[in-house]
Amino acid sequence: MIPAPFDYHAPTSLGEALSLLSSLGPDAKILTGGQSLLPMMKLRLAEPEHIIDLNGIPDLDYIREEDGVLSIGALVREADLAASDLVRSQLPIIHDTGAHIADPQVRNLGTLAGNLAHGDPGNDHPATMMALDAHVVATGPGGHRTLDVRSLFVDFYETALADDEILTEIRIQLPPASSGGAYLKLERKVGDYATVGVAAQVTFGADGRCTAAGIGLTNVAHVPVHAEAAGKRLVGTSCSEGDTAAAADLAADASSPSSDLRGPADYKRAMVRVLTRRALGRAIERARA
């Protein structure tokens, strides 16, 4: 439980951090909260030669809304999201998600940006960000570029971020008033990784029909899953029980779980179906309220 030796770097500006990352190459890892990286280092599953700690960089710790877009900086902690009135009132799905992550000690340090950049299919926020059609800002030596979070995850623990880029911001279009979302998670014990997790976000028009729907799945494939067909199945419908059941079937079809200590693959796929119906039910209830 002792990490391999590494060199520690504490830049005081984003430019300095990018310069270090560029010069040190793939042997360097970025540290924000460290709640995913450090346990892997202690188990020698990750052995970076250099750690670049972003916590001394000002202006990366913010939650703000401008022109209907919620922006979340790279150093915003899970506890900060939970305490944000803006997040709680406008995007309760994020509040749901954070409440399922580990324990208060981890949430006091862990960051949303780190949760995404780590690329772990068992992390909870990727599914929620997919359901919300969020975007992330990747900052590198050449400047900024914006990525759809649905295209961020390319393989197991692998993202579309370049070796010399840092995920500096998450951007979410705030949904209209007739919207609702929910995240549900099946876990063996409180704070555990998900056996299955489902995020659902829906929006209704004036005629009571669904105008947009997003569904994301946790820990049922080698990457977080955007159940695109399941969301599209609901658009244009009243989201009746039959509609949500059909969407849940499509979500289960989009999953490709493996059998492990958390259960056999068939069981997990069945739980995707069950949790999708439940998450959609809660999201619809919130939207119509």
C-alpha atoms as a PDB file:
ATOM      1  CA  MET A   1       0.000   0.000   0.000  1.00  0.00           C
ATOM      2  CA  ILE A   2       2.950   2.335  -0.612  1.00  0.00           C
ATOM      3  CA  PRO A   3       3.229   4.107  -3.986  1.00  0.00           C
ATOM      4  CA  ALA A   4       6.291   3.747  -6.175  1.00  0.00           C
ATOM      5  CA  PRO A   5       8.685   6.740  -6.021  1.00  0.00           C
ATOM      6  CA  PHE A   6       7.627   9.832  -7.977  1.00  0.00           C
ATOM      7  CA  ASP A   7       8.543  13.498  -8.358  1.00  0.00           C
ATOM      8  CA  TYR A   8       5.990  16.018  -7.088  1.00  0.00           C
ATOM      9  CA  HIS A   9       5.330  19.302  -8.918  1.00  0.00           C
ATOM     10  CA  ALA A  10       3.157  22.144  -7.610  1.00  0.00           C
ATOM     11  CA  PRO A  11       2.623  24.732 -10.372  1.00  0.00           C
ATOM     12  CA  THR A  12       0.987  28.041  -9.459  1.00  0.00           C
ATOM     13  CA  SER A  13      -0.463  28.809 -12.895  1.00  0.00           C
ATOM     14  CA  LEU A  14      -2.210  26.859 -15.620  1.00  0.00           C
ATOM     15  CA  GLY A  15       0.523  27.820 -18.067  1.00  0.00           C
ATOM     16  CA  GLU A  16       3.170  26.355 -15.775  1.00  0.00           C
ATOM     17  CA  ALA A  17       1.153  23.155 -15.380  1.00  0.00           C
ATOM     18  CA  LEU A  18       0.792  22.796 -19.142  1.00  0.00           C
ATOM     19  CA  SER A  19       4.502  23.400 -19.634  1.00  0.00           C
ATOM     20  CA  LEU A  20       5.326  20.680 -17.110  1.00  0.00           C
ATOM     21  CA  LEU A  21       2.866  18.266 -18.678  1.00  0.00           C
ATOM     22  CA  SER A  22       4.300  18.898 -22.138  1.00  0.00           C
ATOM     23  CA  SER A  23       7.914  18.470 -21.049  1.00  0.00           C
ATOM     24  CA  LEU A  24       7.388  15.456 -18.779  1.00  0.00           C
ATOM     25  CA  GLY A  25       5.236  13.548 -21.278  1.00  0.00           C
ATOM     26  CA  PRO A  26       3.062  10.491 -20.605  1.00  0.00           C
ATOM     27  CA  ASP A  27       4.975   9.614 -17.420  1.00  0.00           C
ATOM     28  CA  ALA A  28       3.210  12.524 -15.667  1.00  0.00           C
ATOM     29  CA  LYS A  29      -0.249  12.460 -14.081  1.00  0.00           C
ATOM     30  CA  ILE A  30      -2.510  15.354 -13.095  1.00  0.00           C
ATOM     31  CA  LEU A  31      -3.732  15.545  -9.483  1.00  0.00           C
ATOM     32  CA  THR A  32      -6.868  17.451  -8.465  1.00  0.00           C
ATOM     33  CA  GLY A  33      -8.636  15.509  -5.709  1.00  0.00           C
ATOM     34  CA  GLY A  34      -6.602  12.326  -6.065  1.00  0.00           C
ATOM     35  CA  GLN A  35      -9.409  10.074  -4.861  1.00  0.00           C
ATOM     36  CA  SER A  36      -9.081   7.778  -7.878  1.00  0.00           C
ATOM     37  CA  LEU A  37      -5.404   8.197  -8.704  1.00  0.00           C
ATOM     38  CA  LEU A  38      -3.868   7.761  -5.245  1.00  0.00           C
ATOM     39  CA  PRO A  39      -5.538   4.408  -4.424  1.00  0.00           C
ATOM     40  CA  MET A  40      -4.310   3.057  -7.771  1.00  0.00           C
ATOM     41  CA  MET A  41      -0.811   4.291  -6.984  1.00  0.00           C
ATOM     42  CA  LYS A  42      -0.870   2.646  -3.564  1.00  0.00           C
ATOM     43  CA  LEU A  43      -1.829  -0.663  -5.177  1.00  0.00           C
ATOM     44  CA  ARG A  44       0.892  -0.154  -7.819  1.00  0.00           C
ATOM     45  CA  LEU A  45      -1.772  -0.297 -10.539  1.00  0.00           C
ATOM     46  CA  ALA A  46      -0.471   3.109 -11.626  1.00  0.00           C
ATOM     47  CA  GLU A  47       3.168   4.154 -11.281  1.00  0.00           C
ATOM     48  CA  PRO A  48       3.569   7.678 -12.684  1.00  0.00           C
ATOM     49  CA  GLU A  49       7.041   9.130 -12.436  1.00  0.00           C
ATOM     50  CA  HIS A  50       5.690  12.650 -11.964  1.00  0.00           C
ATOM     51  CA  ILE A  51       2.629  14.105 -10.203  1.00  0.00           C
ATOM     52  CA  ILE A  52       1.477  17.594 -11.236  1.00  0.00           C
ATOM     53  CA  ASP A  53      -0.743  19.010  -8.476  1.00  0.00           C
ATOM     54  CA  LEU A  54      -3.237  21.620  -9.755  1.00  0.00           C
ATOM     55  CA  ASN A  55      -4.473  22.663  -6.318  1.00  0.00           C
ATOM     56  CA  GLY A  56      -2.170  25.697  -6.119  1.00  0.00           C
ATOM     57  CA  ILE A  57      -3.611  27.200  -9.304  1.00  0.00           C
ATOM     58  CA  PRO A  58      -6.143  30.007  -8.728  1.00  0.00           C
ATOM     59  CA  ASP A  59      -9.334  30.465 -10.758  1.00  0.00           C
ATOM     60  CA  LEU A  60     -10.095  26.788 -11.339  1.00  0.00           C
ATOM     61  CA  ASP A  61     -12.544  26.543  -8.434  1.00  0.00           C
ATOM     62  CA  TYR A  62     -15.887  27.990  -9.580  1.00  0.00           C
ATOM     63  CA  ILE A  63     -19.529  27.159 -10.241  1.00  0.00           C
ATOM     64  CA  ARG A  64     -21.188  29.840 -12.346  1.00  0.00           C
ATOM     65  CA  GLU A  65     -24.052  30.346 -14.752  1.00  0.00           C
ATOM     66  CA  GLU A  66     -23.878  32.589 -17.813  1.00  0.00           C
ATOM     67  CA  ASP A  67     -26.348  32.765 -20.713  1.00  0.00           C
ATOM     68  CA  GLY A  68     -28.038  29.561 -19.575  1.00  0.00           C
ATOM     69  CA  VAL A  69     -24.811  27.525 -19.358  1.00  0.00           C
ATOM     70  CA  LEU A  70     -23.522  26.116 -16.082  1.00  0.00           C
ATOM     71  CA  SER A  71     -19.712  26.086 -15.942  1.00  0.00           C
ATOM     72  CA  ILE A  72     -17.838  23.998 -13.372  1.00  0.00           C
ATOM     73  CA  GLY A  73     -14.093  24.449 -12.861  1.00  0.00           C
ATOM     74  CA  ALA A  74     -11.570  21.644 -12.565  1.00  0.00           C
ATOM     75  CA  LEU A  75     -11.043  22.092  -8.813  1.00  0.00           C
ATOM     76  CA  VAL A  76     -14.702  22.080  -7.760  1.00  0.00           C
ATOM     77  CA  ARG A  77     -15.160  19.356  -5.120  1.00  0.00           C
ATOM     78  CA  GLU A  78     -18.063  16.946  -4.880  1.00  0.00           C
ATOM     79  CA  ALA A  79     -18.977  18.641  -1.603  1.00  0.00           C
ATOM     80  CA  ASP A  80     -19.102  22.011  -3.391  1.00  0.00           C
ATOM     81  CA  LEU A  81     -21.578  20.624  -5.923  1.00  0.00           C
ATOM     82  CA  ALA A  82     -23.716  19.218  -3.123  1.00  0.00           C
ATOM     83  CA  ALA A  83     -23.762  22.608  -1.357  1.00  0.00           C
ATOM     84  CA  SER A  84     -24.588  24.611  -4.498  1.00  0.00           C
ATOM     85  CA  ASP A  85     -28.148  25.977  -4.523  1.00  0.00           C
ATOM     86  CA  LEU A  86     -27.846  26.464  -8.288  1.00  0.00           C
ATOM     87  CA  VAL A  87     -26.961  22.823  -8.884  1.00  0.00           C
ATOM     88  CA  ARG A  88     -29.541  21.519  -6.425  1.00  0.00           C
ATOM     89  CA  SER A  89     -32.397  23.571  -7.918  1.00  0.00           C
ATOM     90  CA  GLN A  90     -31.538  23.364 -11.629  1.00  0.00           C
ATOM     91  CA  LEU A  91     -29.874  19.957 -11.921  1.00  0.00           C
ATOM     92  CA  PRO A  92     -30.951  17.639  -9.104  1.00  0.00           C
ATOM     93  CA  ILE A  93     -29.568  14.714 -11.106  1.00  0.00           C
ATOM     94  CA  ILE A  94     -26.051  15.935 -10.246  1.00  0.00           C
ATOM     95  CA  HIS A  95     -26.998  16.104  -6.583  1.00  0.00           C
ATOM     96  CA  ASP A  96     -28.322  12.510  -6.835  1.00  0.00           C
ATOM     97  CA  THR A  97     -25.070  11.372  -8.408  1.00  0.00           C
ATOM     98  CA  GLY A  98     -22.778  13.002  -5.874  1.00  0.00           C
ATOM     99  CA  ALA A  99     -24.699  11.503  -2.976  1.00  0.00           C
ATOM    100  CA  HIS A 100     -23.813   8.015  -4.255  1.00  0.00           C
ATOM    101  CA  ILE A 101     -20.065   8.621  -4.464  1.00  0.00           C
ATOM    102  CA  ALA A 102     -17.998   6.914  -1.770  1.00  0.00           C
ATOM    103  CA  ASP A 103     -18.193   8.781   1.570  1.00  0.00           C
ATOM    104  CA  PRO A 104     -17.978  12.366   2.913  1.00  0.00           C
ATOM    105  CA  GLN A 105     -14.182  12.234   3.223  1.00  0.00           C
ATOM    106  CA  VAL A 106     -13.817  11.355  -0.454  1.00  0.00           C
ATOM    107  CA  ARG A 107     -16.458  13.904  -1.511  1.00  0.00           C
ATOM    108  CA  ASN A 108     -14.617  16.650   0.373  1.00  0.00           C
ATOM    109  CA  LEU A 109     -11.595  16.157  -1.896  1.00  0.00           C
ATOM    110  CA  GLY A 110     -12.779  14.457  -5.080  1.00  0.00           C
ATOM    111  CA  THR A 111     -13.622  16.583  -8.129  1.00  0.00           C
ATOM    112  CA  LEU A 112     -16.093  16.239 -10.975  1.00  0.00           C
ATOM    113  CA  ALA A 113     -13.306  16.955 -13.484  1.00  0.00           C
ATOM    114  CA  GLY A 114     -11.131  14.201 -12.050  1.00  0.00           C
ATOM    115  CA  ASN A 115     -14.061  11.793 -12.010  1.00  0.00           C
ATOM    116  CA  LEU A 116     -14.459  12.309 -15.760  1.00  0.00           C
ATOM    117  CA  ALA A 117     -10.792  12.544 -16.779  1.00  0.00           C
ATOM    118  CA  HIS A 118      -9.926   9.287 -14.998  1.00  0.00           C
ATOM    119  CA  GLY A 119     -11.909   7.345 -17.616  1.00  0.00           C
ATOM    120  CA  ASP A 120     -13.154   4.683 -15.196  1.00  0.00           C
ATOM    121  CA  PRO A 121     -16.436   3.098 -16.429  1.00  0.00           C
ATOM    122  CA  GLY A 122     -17.309   2.491 -12.776  1.00  0.00           C
ATOM    123  CA  ASN A 123     -17.295   6.197 -11.907  1.00  0.00           C
ATOM    124  CA  ASP A 124     -20.742   7.719 -11.484  1.00  0.00           C
ATOM    125  CA  HIS A 125     -20.550  11.144 -13.114  1.00  0.00           C
ATOM    126  CA  PRO A 126     -19.850  10.049 -16.720  1.00  0.00           C
ATOM    127  CA  ALA A 127     -23.339   8.560 -17.104  1.00  0.00           C
ATOM    128  CA  THR A 128     -24.944  11.693 -15.665  1.00  0.00           C
ATOM    129  CA  MET A 129     -22.920  13.998 -17.875  1.00  0.00           C
ATOM    130  CA  MET A 130     -23.925  11.885 -20.888  1.00  0.00           C
ATOM    131  CA  ALA A 131     -27.596  12.125 -19.948  1.00  0.00           C
ATOM    132  CA  LEU A 132     -27.187  15.922 -19.717  1.00  0.00           C
ATOM    133  CA  ASP A 133     -25.252  16.142 -23.018  1.00  0.00           C
ATOM    134  CA  ALA A 134     -22.487  18.001 -21.202  1.00  0.00           C
ATOM    135  CA  HIS A 135     -19.278  19.253 -22.804  1.00  0.00           C
ATOM    136  CA  VAL A 136     -15.766  19.510 -21.393  1.00  0.00           C
ATOM    137  CA  VAL A 137     -13.019  22.017 -22.103  1.00  0.00           C
ATOM    138  CA  ALA A 138      -9.592  20.528 -22.770  1.00  0.00           C
ATOM    139  CA  THR A 139      -6.723  23.003 -22.427  1.00  0.00           C
ATOM    140  CA  GLY A 140      -3.352  22.317 -24.024  1.00  0.00           C
ATOM    141  CA  PRO A 141      -0.317  24.200 -25.364  1.00  0.00           C
ATOM    142  CA  GLY A 142      -2.334  25.227 -28.424  1.00  0.00           C
ATOM    143  CA  GLY A 143      -5.253  26.643 -26.443  1.00  0.00           C
ATOM    144  CA  HIS A 144      -8.727  25.345 -25.642  1.00  0.00           C
ATOM    145  CA  ARG A 145     -10.972  22.857 -27.390  1.00  0.00           C
ATOM    146  CA  THR A 146     -14.450  21.699 -26.439  1.00  0.00           C
ATOM    147  CA  LEU A 147     -15.439  18.035 -26.493  1.00  0.00           C
ATOM    148  CA  ASP A 148     -18.843  16.424 -26.237  1.00  0.00           C
ATOM    149  CA  VAL A 149     -18.613  14.272 -23.119  1.00  0.00           C
ATOM    150  CA  ARG A 150     -20.318  11.470 -25.056  1.00  0.00           C
ATOM    151  CA  SER A 151     -17.183  11.205 -27.188  1.00  0.00           C
ATOM    152  CA  LEU A 152     -14.718  11.625 -24.303  1.00  0.00           C
ATOM    153  CA  PHE A 153     -14.465   7.963 -23.303  1.00  0.00           C
ATOM    154  CA  VAL A 154     -12.714   5.849 -25.921  1.00  0.00           C
ATOM    155  CA  ASP A 155     -11.570   2.735 -24.008  1.00  0.00           C
ATOM    156  CA  PHE A 156     -11.013   1.317 -20.530  1.00  0.00           C
ATOM    157  CA  TYR A 157      -9.323   4.119 -18.522  1.00  0.00           C
ATOM    158  CA  GLU A 158      -8.662   5.937 -21.802  1.00  0.00           C
ATOM    159  CA  THR A 159     -10.147   9.265 -22.860  1.00  0.00           C
ATOM    160  CA  ALA A 160      -9.911  11.544 -25.888  1.00  0.00           C
ATOM    161  CA  LEU A 161      -7.728  13.981 -23.921  1.00  0.00           C
ATOM    162  CA  ALA A 162      -4.256  14.320 -25.406  1.00  0.00           C
ATOM    163  CA  ASP A 163      -1.227  13.615 -23.214  1.00  0.00           C
ATOM    164  CA  ASP A 164      -0.493  17.355 -23.010  1.00  0.00           C
ATOM    165  CA  GLU A 165      -4.085  18.464 -22.248  1.00  0.00           C
ATOM    166  CA  ILE A 166      -5.863  19.175 -18.965  1.00  0.00           C
ATOM    167  CA  LEU A 167      -9.621  18.991 -18.473  1.00  0.00           C
ATOM    168  CA  THR A 168     -10.219  22.492 -17.097  1.00  0.00           C
ATOM    169  CA  GLU A 169     -13.992  22.967 -17.240  1.00  0.00           C
ATOM    170  CA  ILE A 170     -17.327  21.188 -17.606  1.00  0.00           C
ATOM    171  CA  ARG A 171     -20.182  22.995 -19.371  1.00  0.00           C
ATOM    172  CA  ILE A 172     -23.842  22.036 -19.104  1.00  0.00           C
ATOM    173  CA  GLN A 173     -26.746  23.742 -20.862  1.00  0.00           C
ATOM    174  CA  LEU A 174     -29.303  24.392 -18.126  1.00  0.00           C
ATOM    175  CA  PRO A 175     -32.548  22.604 -19.059  1.00  0.00           C
ATOM    176  CA  PRO A 176     -35.932  24.323 -19.362  1.00  0.00           C
ATOM    177  CA  ALA A 177     -38.331  24.357 -16.427  1.00  0.00           C
ATOM    178  CA  SER A 178     -40.255  21.372 -17.818  1.00  0.00           C
ATOM    179  CA  SER A 179     -37.254  19.092 -17.335  1.00  0.00           C
ATOM    180  CA  GLY A 180     -36.201  16.561 -14.757  1.00  0.00           C
ATOM    181  CA  GLY A 181     -33.466  14.074 -14.125  1.00  0.00           C
ATOM    182  CA  ALA A 182     -32.454  11.317 -11.738  1.00  0.00           C
ATOM    183  CA  TYR A 183     -29.555   8.967 -11.052  1.00  0.00           C
ATOM    184  CA  LEU A 184     -30.065   5.556  -9.476  1.00  0.00           C
ATOM    185  CA  LYS A 185     -27.371   3.107  -8.457  1.00  0.00           C
ATOM    186  CA  LEU A 186     -27.349  -0.517  -7.398  1.00  0.00           C
ATOM    187  CA  GLU A 187     -24.397  -1.177  -5.101  1.00  0.00           C
ATOM    188  CA  ARG A 188     -23.347  -3.974  -2.787  1.00  0.00           C
ATOM    189  CA  LYS A 189     -22.823  -1.557   0.083  1.00  0.00           C
ATOM    190  CA  VAL A 190     -22.935   2.184   0.599  1.00  0.00           C
ATOM    191  CA  GLY A 191     -20.030   3.882  -1.128  1.00  0.00           C
ATOM    192  CA  ASP A 192     -19.153   0.927  -3.359  1.00  0.00           C
ATOM    193  CA  TYR A 193     -18.701   1.086  -7.116  1.00  0.00           C
ATOM    194  CA  ALA A 194     -21.946   0.484  -8.969  1.00  0.00           C
ATOM    195  CA  THR A 195     -23.112  -2.957  -9.920  1.00  0.00           C
ATOM    196  CA  VAL A 196     -25.307  -0.930 -12.290  1.00  0.00           C
ATOM    197  CA  GLY A 197     -26.023   2.802 -12.430  1.00  0.00           C
ATOM    198  CA  VAL A 198     -28.510   4.679 -14.616  1.00  0.00           C
ATOM    199  CA  ALA A 199     -28.817   8.424 -15.258  1.00  0.00           C
ATOM    200  CA  ALA A 200     -31.935   9.778 -16.999  1.00  0.00           C
ATOM    201  CA  GLN A 201     -32.840  13.305 -18.063  1.00  0.00           C
ATOM    202  CA  VAL A 202     -36.073  14.273 -19.855  1.00  0.00           C
ATOM    203  CA  THR A 203     -37.639  17.504 -21.144  1.00  0.00           C
ATOM    204  CA  PHE A 204     -41.300  18.050 -22.063  1.00  0.00           C
ATOM    205  CA  GLY A 205     -42.883  20.549 -24.429  1.00  0.00           C
ATOM    206  CA  ALA A 206     -46.065  22.553 -23.929  1.00  0.00           C
ATOM    207  CA  ASP A 207     -48.109  19.711 -25.433  1.00  0.00           C
ATOM    208  CA  GLY A 208     -46.899  17.300 -22.767  1.00  0.00           C
ATOM    209  CA  ARG A 209     -44.735  15.307 -25.134  1.00  0.00           C
ATOM    210  CA  CYS A 210     -41.050  14.602 -24.643  1.00  0.00           C
ATOM    211  CA  THR A 211     -38.782  16.898 -26.658  1.00  0.00           C
ATOM    212  CA  ALA A 212     -35.429  15.554 -25.431  1.00  0.00           C
ATOM    213  CA  ALA A 213     -34.185  12.596 -23.411  1.00  0.00           C
ATOM    214  CA  GLY A 214     -30.767  11.368 -22.384  1.00  0.00           C
ATOM    215  CA  ILE A 215     -29.840   8.084 -20.698  1.00  0.00           C
ATOM    216  CA  GLY A 216     -26.373   7.115 -19.445  1.00  0.00           C
ATOM    217  CA  LEU A 217     -25.210   3.839 -17.917  1.00  0.00           C
ATOM    218  CA  THR A 218     -22.518   3.124 -15.322  1.00  0.00           C
ATOM    219  CA  ASN A 219     -20.259   0.062 -15.084  1.00  0.00           C
ATOM    220  CA  VAL A 220     -21.970  -2.117 -17.693  1.00  0.00           C
ATOM    221  CA  ALA A 221     -19.300  -1.942 -20.416  1.00  0.00           C
ATOM    222  CA  HIS A 222     -15.606  -1.144 -20.806  1.00  0.00           C
ATOM    223  CA  VAL A 223     -16.608   2.537 -21.120  1.00  0.00           C
ATOM    224  CA  PRO A 224     -19.513   4.590 -19.768  1.00  0.00           C
ATOM    225  CA  VAL A 225     -22.501   4.040 -22.072  1.00  0.00           C
ATOM    226  CA  HIS A 226     -24.683   6.616 -23.793  1.00  0.00           C
ATOM    227  CA  ALA A 227     -27.906   4.681 -24.479  1.00  0.00           C
ATOM    228  CA  GLU A 228     -28.746   6.814 -27.499  1.00  0.00           C
ATOM    229  CA  ALA A 229     -31.515   4.655 -28.957  1.00  0.00           C
ATOM    230  CA  ALA A 230     -33.258   4.498 -25.586  1.00  0.00           C
ATOM    231  CA  GLY A 231     -33.372   8.295 -25.330  1.00  0.00           C
ATOM    232  CA  LYS A 232     -34.588   8.703 -28.902  1.00  0.00           C
ATOM    233  CA  ARG A 233     -37.397   6.200 -28.247  1.00  0.00           C
ATOM    234  CA  LEU A 234     -38.984   8.650 -25.808  1.00  0.00           C
ATOM    235  CA  VAL A 235     -38.853  11.774 -27.990  1.00  0.00           C
ATOM    236  CA  GLY A 236     -42.293  12.683 -29.295  1.00  0.00           C
ATOM    237  CA  THR A 237     -44.079  10.436 -26.806  1.00  0.00           C
ATOM    238  CA  SER A 238     -45.972  11.170 -23.605  1.00  0.00           C
ATOM    239  CA  CYS A 239     -43.510   8.927 -21.729  1.00  0.00           C
ATOM    240  CA  SER A 240     -46.196   6.475 -20.742  1.00  0.00           C
ATOM    241  CA  GLU A 241     -45.337   3.300 -18.873  1.00  0.00           C
ATOM    242  CA  GLY A 242     -45.187   1.493 -22.209  1.00  0.00           C
ATOM    243  CA  ASP A 243     -42.811   4.104 -23.591  1.00  0.00           C
ATOM    244  CA  THR A 244     -40.470   3.938 -20.619  1.00  0.00           C
ATOM    245  CA  ALA A 245     -40.540   0.133 -20.664  1.00  0.00           C
ATOM    246  CA  ALA A 246     -39.539   0.155 -24.342  1.00  0.00           C
ATOM    247  CA  ALA A 247     -36.760   2.641 -23.605  1.00  0.00           C
ATOM    248  CA  ALA A 248     -35.559   0.463 -20.737  1.00  0.00           C
ATOM    249  CA  ASP A 249     -35.362  -2.533 -23.071  1.00  0.00           C
ATOM    250  CA  LEU A 250     -33.226  -0.499 -25.479  1.00  0.00           C
ATOM    251  CA  ALA A 251     -30.982   0.649 -22.621  1.00  0.00           C
ATOM    252  CA  ALA A 252     -30.432  -2.972 -21.591  1.00  0.00           C
ATOM    253  CA  ASP A 253     -29.602  -3.810 -25.210  1.00  0.00           C
ATOM    254  CA  ALA A 254     -26.991  -1.013 -25.225  1.00  0.00           C
ATOM    255  CA  SER A 255     -25.188  -2.497 -22.227  1.00  0.00           C
ATOM    256  CA  SER A 256     -22.509  -5.167 -22.454  1.00  0.00           C
ATOM    257  CA  PRO A 257     -21.712  -6.111 -18.849  1.00  0.00           C
ATOM    258  CA  SER A 258     -19.301  -8.806 -17.825  1.00  0.00           C
ATOM    259  CA  SER A 259     -19.739 -11.362 -15.077  1.00  0.00           C
ATOM    260  CA  ASP A 260     -17.706 -10.670 -11.947  1.00  0.00           C
ATOM    261  CA  LEU A 261     -17.991 -10.571  -8.149  1.00  0.00           C
ATOM    262  CA  ARG A 262     -20.867  -8.079  -8.439  1.00  0.00           C
ATOM    263  CA  GLY A 263     -22.990 -10.538 -10.375  1.00  0.00           C
ATOM    264  CA  PRO A 264     -23.464 -12.386 -13.668  1.00  0.00           C
ATOM    265  CA  ALA A 265     -23.876 -10.447 -16.902  1.00  0.00           C
ATOM    266  CA  ASP A 266     -27.529 -11.443 -17.375  1.00  0.00           C
ATOM    267  CA  TYR A 267     -28.393 -10.153 -13.915  1.00  0.00           C
ATOM    268  CA  LYS A 268     -26.695  -6.822 -14.586  1.00  0.00           C
ATOM    269  CA  ARG A 269     -28.485  -6.418 -17.903  1.00  0.00           C
ATOM    270  CA  ALA A 270     -31.799  -7.103 -16.162  1.00  0.00           C
ATOM    271  CA  MET A 271     -30.937  -4.488 -13.546  1.00  0.00           C
ATOM    272  CA  VAL A 272     -30.223  -1.933 -16.294  1.00  0.00           C
ATOM    273  CA  ARG A 273     -33.798  -2.500 -17.450  1.00  0.00           C
ATOM    274  CA  VAL A 274     -35.214  -2.130 -13.929  1.00  0.00           C
ATOM    275  CA  LEU A 275     -33.164   0.936 -12.940  1.00  0.00           C
ATOM    276  CA  THR A 276     -33.830   2.686 -16.262  1.00  0.00           C
ATOM    277  CA  ARG A 277     -37.582   2.445 -15.713  1.00  0.00           C
ATOM    278  CA  ARG A 278     -37.198   3.706 -12.147  1.00  0.00           C
ATOM    279  CA  ALA A 279     -34.823   6.541 -13.067  1.00  0.00           C
ATOM    280  CA  LEU A 280     -37.105   7.641 -15.891  1.00  0.00           C
ATOM    281  CA  GLY A 281     -40.084   7.516 -13.541  1.00  0.00           C
ATOM    282  CA  ARG A 282     -38.373   9.837 -11.080  1.00  0.00           C
ATOM    283  CA  ALA A 283     -37.103  12.136 -13.834  1.00  0.00           C
ATOM    284  CA  ILE A 284     -40.584  12.403 -15.372  1.00  0.00           C
ATOM    285  CA  GLU A 285     -42.101  13.117 -11.959  1.00  0.00           C
ATOM    286  CA  ARG A 286     -39.616  15.923 -11.373  1.00  0.00           C
ATOM    287  CA  ALA A 287     -40.181  17.368 -14.827  1.00  0.00           C
ATOM    288  CA  ARG A 288     -43.951  17.482 -14.426  1.00  0.00           C
ATOM    289  CA  ALA A 289     -43.713  18.937 -10.948  1.00  0.00           C
END
